[in-house]
Amino acid sequence: CVEDLQVSNMSRSAKGSAEQPGRNVRQKAG
């Protein structure tokens, strides 16, 4: 039984742009 989960979504908030910077970039870097 595998959890139906997208692992990449767990660090998606680190992404952002100049107009809308990402959140928790330092915590989730790397």
PDB file of all heavy atoms in Angstrom:
ATOM      1  N   CYS A   1       0.857  -1.183   0.000  1.00  0.00           N
ATOM      2  CA  CYS A   1       0.000   0.000   0.000  1.00  0.00           C
ATOM      3  C   CYS A   1       0.893   1.234   0.000  1.00  0.00           C
ATOM      4  O   CYS A   1       1.700   1.413   0.910  1.00  0.00           O
ATOM      5  CB  CYS A   1      -0.924   0.020   1.208  1.00  0.00           C
ATOM      6  SG  CYS A   1      -2.084  -1.364   1.254  1.00  0.00           S
ATOM      7  N   VAL A   2       0.738   2.059  -1.028  1.00  0.00           N
ATOM      8  CA  VAL A   2       1.554   3.248  -1.191  1.00  0.00           C
ATOM      9  C   VAL A   2       0.672   4.475  -1.026  1.00  0.00           C
ATOM     10  O   VAL A   2      -0.416   4.543  -1.603  1.00  0.00           O
ATOM     11  CB  VAL A   2       2.241   3.269  -2.576  1.00  0.00           C
ATOM     12  CG1 VAL A   2       3.156   4.475  -2.709  1.00  0.00           C
ATOM     13  CG2 VAL A   2       3.018   1.977  -2.796  1.00  0.00           C
ATOM     14  N   GLU A   3       1.132   5.433  -0.248  1.00  0.00           N
ATOM     15  CA  GLU A   3       0.390   6.672  -0.061  1.00  0.00           C
ATOM     16  C   GLU A   3       0.337   7.442  -1.370  1.00  0.00           C
ATOM     17  O   GLU A   3       1.352   7.616  -2.046  1.00  0.00           O
ATOM     18  CB  GLU A   3       1.066   7.508   1.021  1.00  0.00           C
ATOM     19  CG  GLU A   3       0.314   8.764   1.395  1.00  0.00           C
ATOM     20  CD  GLU A   3       1.003   9.525   2.504  1.00  0.00           C
ATOM     21  OE1 GLU A   3       2.109   9.122   2.894  1.00  0.00           O
ATOM     22  OE2 GLU A   3       0.420  10.511   2.973  1.00  0.00           O
ATOM     23  N   ASP A   4      -0.835   7.881  -1.756  1.00  0.00           N
ATOM     24  CA  ASP A   4      -1.025   8.633  -2.996  1.00  0.00           C
ATOM     25  C   ASP A   4      -0.604  10.078  -2.758  1.00  0.00           C
ATOM     26  O   ASP A   4      -1.415  10.950  -2.466  1.00  0.00           O
ATOM     27  CB  ASP A   4      -2.487   8.556  -3.437  1.00  0.00           C
ATOM     28  CG  ASP A   4      -2.675   9.111  -4.832  1.00  0.00           C
ATOM     29  OD1 ASP A   4      -1.649   9.386  -5.482  1.00  0.00           O
ATOM     30  OD2 ASP A   4      -3.817   9.261  -5.259  1.00  0.00           O
ATOM     31  N   LEU A   5       0.693  10.325  -2.882  1.00  0.00           N
ATOM     32  CA  LEU A   5       1.262  11.604  -2.477  1.00  0.00           C
ATOM     33  C   LEU A   5       2.288  12.043  -3.509  1.00  0.00           C
ATOM     34  O   LEU A   5       3.098  11.246  -3.976  1.00  0.00           O
ATOM     35  CB  LEU A   5       1.926  11.478  -1.113  1.00  0.00           C
ATOM     36  CG  LEU A   5       2.686  12.693  -0.573  1.00  0.00           C
ATOM     37  CD1 LEU A   5       1.705  13.811  -0.269  1.00  0.00           C
ATOM     38  CD2 LEU A   5       3.483  12.324   0.652  1.00  0.00           C
ATOM     39  N   GLN A   6       2.272  13.317  -3.862  1.00  0.00           N
ATOM     40  CA  GLN A   6       3.286  13.901  -4.728  1.00  0.00           C
ATOM     41  C   GLN A   6       4.365  14.496  -3.837  1.00  0.00           C
ATOM     42  O   GLN A   6       4.158  15.532  -3.199  1.00  0.00           O
ATOM     43  CB  GLN A   6       2.661  14.989  -5.612  1.00  0.00           C
ATOM     44  CG  GLN A   6       1.662  14.455  -6.606  1.00  0.00           C
ATOM     45  CD  GLN A   6       2.266  14.341  -8.008  1.00  0.00           C
ATOM     46  OE1 GLN A   6       3.483  14.339  -8.166  1.00  0.00           O
ATOM     47  NE2 GLN A   6       1.416  14.229  -8.991  1.00  0.00           N
ATOM     48  N   VAL A   7       5.542  13.844  -3.809  1.00  0.00           N
ATOM     49  CA  VAL A   7       6.601  14.295  -2.914  1.00  0.00           C
ATOM     50  C   VAL A   7       7.105  15.671  -3.313  1.00  0.00           C
ATOM     51  O   VAL A   7       7.461  16.487  -2.452  1.00  0.00           O
ATOM     52  CB  VAL A   7       7.753  13.264  -2.918  1.00  0.00           C
ATOM     53  CG1 VAL A   7       8.856  13.695  -1.971  1.00  0.00           C
ATOM     54  CG2 VAL A   7       7.235  11.906  -2.510  1.00  0.00           C
ATOM     55  N   SER A   8       7.129  15.978  -4.610  1.00  0.00           N
ATOM     56  CA  SER A   8       7.628  17.279  -5.047  1.00  0.00           C
ATOM     57  C   SER A   8       6.761  18.429  -4.533  1.00  0.00           C
ATOM     58  O   SER A   8       7.252  19.551  -4.378  1.00  0.00           O
ATOM     59  CB  SER A   8       7.696  17.328  -6.576  1.00  0.00           C
ATOM     60  OG  SER A   8       6.415  17.119  -7.132  1.00  0.00           O
ATOM     61  N   ASN A   9       5.475  18.150  -4.245  1.00  0.00           N
ATOM     62  CA  ASN A   9       4.606  19.203  -3.721  1.00  0.00           C
ATOM     63  C   ASN A   9       4.997  19.619  -2.313  1.00  0.00           C
ATOM     64  O   ASN A   9       4.650  20.714  -1.863  1.00  0.00           O
ATOM     65  CB  ASN A   9       3.151  18.736  -3.720  1.00  0.00           C
ATOM     66  CG  ASN A   9       2.606  18.545  -5.118  1.00  0.00           C
ATOM     67  OD1 ASN A   9       3.232  18.956  -6.082  1.00  0.00           O
ATOM     68  ND2 ASN A   9       1.451  17.907  -5.214  1.00  0.00           N
ATOM     69  N   MET A  10       5.732  18.741  -1.604  1.00  0.00           N
ATOM     70  CA  MET A  10       6.088  19.056  -0.221  1.00  0.00           C
ATOM     71  C   MET A  10       7.094  20.183  -0.130  1.00  0.00           C
ATOM     72  O   MET A  10       7.232  20.808   0.913  1.00  0.00           O
ATOM     73  CB  MET A  10       6.633  17.792   0.462  1.00  0.00           C
ATOM     74  CG  MET A  10       5.632  16.646   0.486  1.00  0.00           C
ATOM     75  SD  MET A  10       6.322  15.117   1.116  1.00  0.00           S
ATOM     76  CE  MET A  10       6.646  15.548   2.798  1.00  0.00           C
ATOM     77  N   SER A  11       7.824  20.452  -1.207  1.00  0.00           N
ATOM     78  CA  SER A  11       8.776  21.557  -1.197  1.00  0.00           C
ATOM     79  C   SER A  11       8.439  22.601  -2.249  1.00  0.00           C
ATOM     80  O   SER A  11       9.277  23.407  -2.616  1.00  0.00           O
ATOM     81  CB  SER A  11      10.195  21.027  -1.438  1.00  0.00           C
ATOM     82  OG  SER A  11      10.249  20.315  -2.656  1.00  0.00           O
ATOM     83  N   ARG A  12       7.195  22.581  -2.757  1.00  0.00           N
ATOM     84  CA  ARG A  12       6.815  23.509  -3.813  1.00  0.00           C
ATOM     85  C   ARG A  12       6.794  24.940  -3.320  1.00  0.00           C
ATOM     86  O   ARG A  12       7.032  25.871  -4.092  1.00  0.00           O
ATOM     87  CB  ARG A  12       5.459  23.123  -4.385  1.00  0.00           C
ATOM     88  CG  ARG A  12       4.950  24.068  -5.467  1.00  0.00           C
ATOM     89  CD  ARG A  12       3.685  23.560  -6.103  1.00  0.00           C
ATOM     90  NE  ARG A  12       3.913  22.338  -6.848  1.00  0.00           N
ATOM     91  CZ  ARG A  12       2.974  21.679  -7.508  1.00  0.00           C
ATOM     92  NH1 ARG A  12       1.722  22.120  -7.470  1.00  0.00           N
ATOM     93  NH2 ARG A  12       3.255  20.582  -8.171  1.00  0.00           N
ATOM     94  N   SER A  13       6.521  25.180  -2.046  1.00  0.00           N
ATOM     95  CA  SER A  13       6.416  26.547  -1.551  1.00  0.00           C
ATOM     96  C   SER A  13       7.743  27.280  -1.613  1.00  0.00           C
ATOM     97  O   SER A  13       7.780  28.496  -1.496  1.00  0.00           O
ATOM     98  CB  SER A  13       5.916  26.536  -0.102  1.00  0.00           C
ATOM     99  OG  SER A  13       6.828  25.843   0.731  1.00  0.00           O
ATOM    100  N   ALA A  14       8.859  26.567  -1.807  1.00  0.00           N
ATOM    101  CA  ALA A  14      10.143  27.229  -1.927  1.00  0.00           C
ATOM    102  C   ALA A  14      10.306  27.927  -3.264  1.00  0.00           C
ATOM    103  O   ALA A  14      11.181  28.767  -3.429  1.00  0.00           O
ATOM    104  CB  ALA A  14      11.277  26.220  -1.746  1.00  0.00           C
ATOM    105  N   LYS A  15       9.474  27.558  -4.252  1.00  0.00           N
ATOM    106  CA  LYS A  15       9.578  28.190  -5.557  1.00  0.00           C
ATOM    107  C   LYS A  15       8.877  29.550  -5.530  1.00  0.00           C
ATOM    108  O   LYS A  15       7.932  29.766  -4.789  1.00  0.00           O
ATOM    109  CB  LYS A  15       8.939  27.300  -6.631  1.00  0.00           C
ATOM    110  CG  LYS A  15       9.592  25.929  -6.740  1.00  0.00           C
ATOM    111  CD  LYS A  15       8.896  25.105  -7.784  1.00  0.00           C
ATOM    112  CE  LYS A  15       9.500  23.717  -7.868  1.00  0.00           C
ATOM    113  NZ  LYS A  15       8.813  22.861  -8.882  1.00  0.00           N
ATOM    114  N   GLY A  16       9.344  30.439  -6.390  1.00  0.00           N
ATOM    115  CA  GLY A  16       8.726  31.743  -6.455  1.00  0.00           C
ATOM    116  C   GLY A  16       9.311  32.564  -7.585  1.00  0.00           C
ATOM    117  O   GLY A  16      10.152  32.083  -8.352  1.00  0.00           O
ATOM    118  N   SER A  17       8.892  33.803  -7.676  1.00  0.00           N
ATOM    119  CA  SER A  17       9.374  34.724  -8.698  1.00  0.00           C
ATOM    120  C   SER A  17       9.712  36.047  -8.026  1.00  0.00           C
ATOM    121  O   SER A  17       9.566  36.219  -6.819  1.00  0.00           O
ATOM    122  CB  SER A  17       8.315  34.912  -9.794  1.00  0.00           C
ATOM    123  OG  SER A  17       7.125  35.447  -9.252  1.00  0.00           O
ATOM    124  N   ALA A  18      10.165  37.006  -8.863  1.00  0.00           N
ATOM    125  CA  ALA A  18      10.498  38.318  -8.303  1.00  0.00           C
ATOM    126  C   ALA A  18       9.261  39.019  -7.782  1.00  0.00           C
ATOM    127  O   ALA A  18       9.313  39.753  -6.781  1.00  0.00           O
ATOM    128  CB  ALA A  18      11.192  39.166  -9.374  1.00  0.00           C
ATOM    129  N   GLU A  19       8.120  38.841  -8.475  1.00  0.00           N
ATOM    130  CA  GLU A  19       6.872  39.485  -8.039  1.00  0.00           C
ATOM    131  C   GLU A  19       6.269  38.767  -6.837  1.00  0.00           C
ATOM    132  O   GLU A  19       5.734  39.400  -5.930  1.00  0.00           O
ATOM    133  CB  GLU A  19       5.865  39.505  -9.191  1.00  0.00           C
ATOM    134  CG  GLU A  19       6.285  40.384 -10.370  1.00  0.00           C
ATOM    135  CD  GLU A  19       7.333  39.718 -11.232  1.00  0.00           C
ATOM    136  OE1 GLU A  19       7.548  38.490 -11.034  1.00  0.00           O
ATOM    137  OE2 GLU A  19       7.945  40.394 -12.074  1.00  0.00           O
ATOM    138  N   GLN A  20       6.354  37.418  -6.824  1.00  0.00           N
ATOM    139  CA  GLN A  20       5.791  36.624  -5.734  1.00  0.00           C
ATOM    140  C   GLN A  20       6.863  35.688  -5.202  1.00  0.00           C
ATOM    141  O   GLN A  20       6.992  34.541  -5.661  1.00  0.00           O
ATOM    142  CB  GLN A  20       4.580  35.830  -6.221  1.00  0.00           C
ATOM    143  CG  GLN A  20       3.421  36.698  -6.686  1.00  0.00           C
ATOM    144  CD  GLN A  20       2.248  35.863  -7.156  1.00  0.00           C
ATOM    145  OE1 GLN A  20       2.348  34.652  -7.306  1.00  0.00           O
ATOM    146  NE2 GLN A  20       1.111  36.505  -7.387  1.00  0.00           N
ATOM    147  N   PRO A  21       7.673  36.148  -4.263  1.00  0.00           N
ATOM    148  CA  PRO A  21       8.759  35.299  -3.740  1.00  0.00           C
ATOM    149  C   PRO A  21       8.204  34.067  -3.032  1.00  0.00           C
ATOM    150  O   PRO A  21       7.100  34.072  -2.483  1.00  0.00           O
ATOM    151  CB  PRO A  21       9.491  36.225  -2.759  1.00  0.00           C
ATOM    152  CG  PRO A  21       9.055  37.609  -3.127  1.00  0.00           C
ATOM    153  CD  PRO A  21       7.668  37.483  -3.675  1.00  0.00           C
ATOM    154  N   GLY A  22       8.978  32.994  -3.060  1.00  0.00           N
ATOM    155  CA  GLY A  22       8.576  31.761  -2.392  1.00  0.00           C
ATOM    156  C   GLY A  22       8.674  31.864  -0.883  1.00  0.00           C
ATOM    157  O   GLY A  22       9.311  32.768  -0.328  1.00  0.00           O
ATOM    158  N   ARG A  23       8.023  30.929  -0.197  1.00  0.00           N
ATOM    159  CA  ARG A  23       8.018  30.902   1.265  1.00  0.00           C
ATOM    160  C   ARG A  23       8.928  29.785   1.763  1.00  0.00           C
ATOM    161  O   ARG A  23       9.055  28.739   1.131  1.00  0.00           O
ATOM    162  CB  ARG A  23       6.597  30.675   1.781  1.00  0.00           C
ATOM    163  CG  ARG A  23       5.645  31.802   1.420  1.00  0.00           C
ATOM    164  CD  ARG A  23       4.217  31.505   1.856  1.00  0.00           C
ATOM    165  NE  ARG A  23       3.606  30.462   1.016  1.00  0.00           N
ATOM    166  CZ  ARG A  23       3.388  29.236   1.430  1.00  0.00           C
ATOM    167  NH1 ARG A  23       3.742  28.859   2.652  1.00  0.00           N
ATOM    168  NH2 ARG A  23       2.827  28.349   0.621  1.00  0.00           N
ATOM    169  N   ASN A  24       9.552  30.015   2.905  1.00  0.00           N
ATOM    170  CA  ASN A  24      10.413  29.019   3.544  1.00  0.00           C
ATOM    171  C   ASN A  24      11.525  28.554   2.600  1.00  0.00           C
ATOM    172  O   ASN A  24      11.859  27.371   2.535  1.00  0.00           O
ATOM    173  CB  ASN A  24       9.592  27.810   4.004  1.00  0.00           C
ATOM    174  CG  ASN A  24       8.500  28.188   4.976  1.00  0.00           C
ATOM    175  OD1 ASN A  24       8.668  29.113   5.782  1.00  0.00           O
ATOM    176  ND2 ASN A  24       7.374  27.507   4.905  1.00  0.00           N
ATOM    177  N   VAL A  25      12.100  29.506   1.867  1.00  0.00           N
ATOM    178  CA  VAL A  25      13.133  29.143   0.901  1.00  0.00           C
ATOM    179  C   VAL A  25      14.366  28.600   1.610  1.00  0.00           C
ATOM    180  O   VAL A  25      14.932  27.586   1.214  1.00  0.00           O
ATOM    181  CB  VAL A  25      13.490  30.365   0.032  1.00  0.00           C
ATOM    182  CG1 VAL A  25      14.626  30.024  -0.918  1.00  0.00           C
ATOM    183  CG2 VAL A  25      12.264  30.831  -0.740  1.00  0.00           C
ATOM    184  N   ARG A  26      14.806  29.264   2.687  1.00  0.00           N
ATOM    185  CA  ARG A  26      16.008  28.819   3.386  1.00  0.00           C
ATOM    186  C   ARG A  26      15.794  27.456   4.048  1.00  0.00           C
ATOM    187  O   ARG A  26      16.665  26.599   4.035  1.00  0.00           O
ATOM    188  CB  ARG A  26      16.417  29.857   4.436  1.00  0.00           C
ATOM    189  CG  ARG A  26      17.671  29.466   5.231  1.00  0.00           C
ATOM    190  CD  ARG A  26      18.039  30.558   6.224  1.00  0.00           C
ATOM    191  NE  ARG A  26      18.402  31.795   5.543  1.00  0.00           N
ATOM    192  CZ  ARG A  26      19.632  32.033   5.092  1.00  0.00           C
ATOM    193  NH1 ARG A  26      20.585  31.127   5.230  1.00  0.00           N
ATOM    194  NH2 ARG A  26      19.892  33.168   4.502  1.00  0.00           N
ATOM    195  N   GLN A  27      14.610  27.247   4.640  1.00  0.00           N
ATOM    196  CA  GLN A  27      14.353  25.986   5.335  1.00  0.00           C
ATOM    197  C   GLN A  27      14.299  24.817   4.358  1.00  0.00           C
ATOM    198  O   GLN A  27      14.690  23.707   4.685  1.00  0.00           O
ATOM    199  CB  GLN A  27      13.043  26.068   6.128  1.00  0.00           C
ATOM    200  CG  GLN A  27      13.093  27.040   7.317  1.00  0.00           C
ATOM    201  CD  GLN A  27      12.766  28.462   6.906  1.00  0.00           C
ATOM    202  OE1 GLN A  27      12.912  28.823   5.745  1.00  0.00           O
ATOM    203  NE2 GLN A  27      12.351  29.271   7.870  1.00  0.00           N
ATOM    204  N   LYS A  28      13.787  25.078   3.150  1.00  0.00           N
ATOM    205  CA  LYS A  28      13.584  23.987   2.202  1.00  0.00           C
ATOM    206  C   LYS A  28      14.631  23.964   1.091  1.00  0.00           C
ATOM    207  O   LYS A  28      14.487  23.229   0.136  1.00  0.00           O
ATOM    208  CB  LYS A  28      12.196  24.099   1.567  1.00  0.00           C
ATOM    209  CG  LYS A  28      11.069  23.893   2.573  1.00  0.00           C
ATOM    210  CD  LYS A  28       9.731  23.845   1.890  1.00  0.00           C
ATOM    211  CE  LYS A  28       8.618  23.546   2.886  1.00  0.00           C
ATOM    212  NZ  LYS A  28       7.302  23.440   2.234  1.00  0.00           N
ATOM    213  N   ALA A  29      15.683  24.767   1.241  1.00  0.00           N
ATOM    214  CA  ALA A  29      16.706  24.805   0.198  1.00  0.00           C
ATOM    215  C   ALA A  29      17.410  23.461   0.114  1.00  0.00           C
ATOM    216  O   ALA A  29      17.845  22.894   1.111  1.00  0.00           O
ATOM    217  CB  ALA A  29      17.724  25.916   0.496  1.00  0.00           C
ATOM    218  N   GLY A  30      17.518  22.933  -1.073  1.00  0.00           N
ATOM    219  CA  GLY A  30      18.247  21.681  -1.289  1.00  0.00           C
ATOM    220  C   GLY A  30      17.457  20.421  -1.058  1.00  0.00           C
ATOM    221  O   GLY A  30      17.991  19.330  -1.227  1.00  0.00           O
TER     222      GLY A  30
END
